[in-house]
Amino acid sequence: MKDQAGSPPAAQLCAALLQYAKTPGRYQLTLRQPSILFHSIREILQLAAGRGDATQAATREVREAAGFFLRAALLYPGADHYAVLGLPARTEPVELKERYRLLMRLIHPDYAGSGSLPWPADAAVRVNRAYEVLSSPLLRREYDEQLAGVRVQEA
């Protein structure tokens, strides 16, 4: 069941985050599991940042679970630029910029909060590089061509 905006209800999303935090090894992130979480990256970023409508239902435990999921799902070793920002390949520049700002706010030590888990040391560098490449039409086209070449070689 989804709300009007097409995203799952806040309670369902919070329950899925808590479940993931309790048993992360149960899911294969490379297969984008659990799907409810991967389809709700934007809402999870809002939860982790303490923003948006869903934060009314979010406890500290849920916000920590959101941060834990984001670290694992977006910043895994070898993640491409789209995965680092949690975006599909055909993302509009407005969404790209919003996603970048949310992630940088979460990662920045002044906003992250002292009680939260630390982000990987290279998180800001990876997010900045992903945004730099994907926000430039020329660099993005070159990057997409590189990704297509890698995928062809893997097949």
Protein backbone atom coordinates (compact mmCIF):
# COMPACT_ATOMS: atom_id res chain seq x y z
CA MET A 1 0.00 0.00 0.00
CA LYS A 2 1.38 3.40 -1.03
CA ASP A 3 0.39 6.95 -0.19
CA GLN A 4 -0.64 9.61 -2.70
CA ALA A 5 2.92 10.48 -3.73
CA GLY A 6 3.68 6.86 -4.68
CA SER A 7 5.97 6.14 -1.74
CA PRO A 8 5.18 3.61 0.99
CA PRO A 9 3.49 4.86 4.17
CA ALA A 10 5.90 6.23 6.77
CA ALA A 11 5.13 3.45 9.25
CA GLN A 12 5.87 0.75 6.67
CA LEU A 13 9.12 2.45 5.68
CA CYS A 14 10.20 2.82 9.32
CA ALA A 15 9.46 -0.86 9.98
CA ALA A 16 11.50 -1.89 6.93
CA LEU A 17 14.44 0.26 8.06
CA LEU A 18 14.39 -1.24 11.55
CA GLN A 19 14.21 -4.75 10.08
CA TYR A 20 17.17 -4.04 7.81
CA ALA A 21 19.21 -2.64 10.72
CA LYS A 22 18.56 -5.79 12.77
CA THR A 23 19.45 -8.27 10.01
CA PRO A 24 21.46 -6.56 7.26
CA GLY A 25 23.09 -9.80 6.09
CA ARG A 26 19.71 -11.13 5.09
CA TYR A 27 19.56 -8.82 2.06
CA GLN A 28 21.62 -8.58 -1.12
CA LEU A 29 22.25 -4.90 -1.71
CA THR A 30 23.68 -5.56 -5.16
CA LEU A 31 20.25 -6.91 -6.13
CA ARG A 32 18.69 -3.75 -4.63
CA GLN A 33 17.08 -5.59 -1.74
CA PRO A 34 14.97 -4.84 0.17
CA SER A 35 13.14 -3.19 -2.70
CA ILE A 36 10.93 -1.00 -0.49
CA LEU A 37 14.05 0.73 0.78
CA PHE A 38 15.68 1.17 -2.61
CA HIS A 39 12.46 2.63 -4.01
CA SER A 40 12.36 5.08 -1.10
CA ILE A 41 15.92 6.46 -1.01
CA ARG A 42 14.68 10.04 -1.12
CA GLU A 43 12.38 9.50 1.86
CA ILE A 44 15.14 7.67 3.74
CA LEU A 45 17.49 10.59 3.18
CA GLN A 46 14.80 12.87 4.58
CA LEU A 47 14.37 10.61 7.59
CA ALA A 48 18.08 10.41 8.28
CA ALA A 49 18.39 14.20 7.99
CA GLY A 50 15.39 14.78 10.28
CA ARG A 51 13.39 16.45 7.51
CA GLY A 52 10.12 15.91 5.72
CA ASP A 53 6.73 14.52 6.68
CA ALA A 54 8.01 11.07 7.60
CA THR A 55 10.09 12.44 10.48
CA GLN A 56 6.98 12.73 12.64
CA ALA A 57 6.89 8.93 12.86
CA ALA A 58 10.66 8.59 13.15
CA THR A 59 12.33 7.88 16.43
CA ARG A 60 16.05 8.22 17.00
CA GLU A 61 16.35 4.49 16.33
CA VAL A 62 14.66 4.88 12.94
CA ARG A 63 16.91 7.82 11.99
CA GLU A 64 19.98 5.75 12.92
CA ALA A 65 18.63 2.79 10.91
CA ALA A 66 18.12 5.15 7.95
CA GLY A 67 21.73 6.31 8.18
CA PHE A 68 22.96 2.73 8.49
CA PHE A 69 21.05 1.69 5.37
CA LEU A 70 22.30 4.69 3.40
CA ARG A 71 25.93 3.96 4.28
CA ALA A 72 25.57 0.36 3.17
CA ALA A 73 23.40 0.93 0.09
CA LEU A 74 25.08 4.00 -1.38
CA LEU A 75 28.72 3.83 -0.35
CA TYR A 76 29.64 0.20 -0.89
CA PRO A 77 33.06 -0.47 -2.45
CA GLY A 78 32.98 -0.15 -6.21
CA ALA A 79 29.66 1.74 -6.34
CA ASP A 80 29.23 3.75 -9.52
CA HIS A 81 28.29 7.44 -9.37
CA TYR A 82 24.59 6.71 -9.75
CA ALA A 83 24.66 4.23 -6.87
CA VAL A 84 26.59 6.67 -4.65
CA LEU A 85 23.82 9.22 -5.09
CA GLY A 86 21.08 6.56 -5.04
CA LEU A 87 19.71 7.66 -8.39
CA PRO A 88 18.56 5.97 -11.60
CA ALA A 89 20.52 6.74 -14.77
CA ARG A 90 17.87 9.03 -16.25
CA THR A 91 17.72 11.51 -13.38
CA GLU A 92 16.89 15.16 -14.00
CA PRO A 93 19.41 17.82 -12.87
CA VAL A 94 17.00 19.22 -10.25
CA GLU A 95 16.72 15.85 -8.50
CA LEU A 96 20.47 15.33 -8.80
CA LYS A 97 21.18 18.62 -7.05
CA GLU A 98 18.65 17.95 -4.29
CA ARG A 99 20.06 14.47 -3.66
CA TYR A 100 23.60 15.86 -3.54
CA ARG A 101 22.64 18.53 -1.03
CA LEU A 102 20.86 16.08 1.23
CA LEU A 103 23.76 13.65 1.20
CA MET A 104 26.35 16.33 1.87
CA ARG A 105 24.27 17.64 4.75
CA LEU A 106 24.14 14.16 6.26
CA ILE A 107 27.87 13.61 5.81
CA HIS A 108 29.04 17.02 6.99
CA PRO A 109 30.35 16.80 10.59
CA ASP A 110 28.61 20.03 11.65
CA TYR A 111 25.19 18.59 10.78
CA ALA A 112 25.71 14.86 11.28
CA GLY A 113 25.39 15.02 15.06
CA SER A 114 27.82 13.61 17.54
CA GLY A 115 25.69 10.59 18.48
CA SER A 116 25.34 9.21 14.97
CA LEU A 117 27.57 6.61 13.38
CA PRO A 118 30.49 8.06 11.45
CA TRP A 119 30.40 8.09 7.68
CA PRO A 120 33.28 6.47 5.76
CA ALA A 121 36.32 8.71 5.51
CA ASP A 122 36.00 9.01 1.72
CA ALA A 123 32.22 9.56 1.67
CA ALA A 124 32.34 13.30 0.94
CA VAL A 125 34.95 12.82 -1.77
CA ARG A 126 32.89 10.12 -3.47
CA VAL A 127 29.65 12.12 -3.28
CA ASN A 128 31.38 15.27 -4.57
CA ARG A 129 32.97 13.37 -7.46
CA ALA A 130 29.68 11.71 -8.38
CA TYR A 131 27.90 15.05 -8.42
CA GLU A 132 30.69 16.70 -10.40
CA VAL A 133 30.52 14.05 -13.12
CA LEU A 134 26.75 13.64 -13.28
CA SER A 135 25.96 17.36 -13.21
CA SER A 136 28.12 18.07 -16.27
CA PRO A 137 26.42 16.98 -19.51
CA LEU A 138 29.76 16.26 -21.19
CA LEU A 139 31.28 14.33 -18.27
CA ARG A 140 28.02 12.46 -17.73
CA ARG A 141 27.86 11.36 -21.37
CA GLU A 142 31.47 10.12 -21.21
CA TYR A 143 30.80 8.36 -17.92
CA ASP A 144 27.65 6.68 -19.27
CA GLU A 145 29.65 5.46 -22.27
CA GLN A 146 32.31 4.01 -19.94
CA LEU A 147 29.62 2.26 -17.88
CA ALA A 148 28.04 0.83 -21.03
CA GLY A 149 31.43 -0.48 -22.13
CA VAL A 150 32.03 -2.15 -18.77
CA ARG A 151 28.60 -3.76 -18.84
CA VAL A 152 29.19 -5.11 -22.36
CA GLN A 153 32.53 -6.62 -21.27
CA GLU A 154 30.88 -8.24 -18.21
CA ALA A 155 28.12 -9.84 -20.30
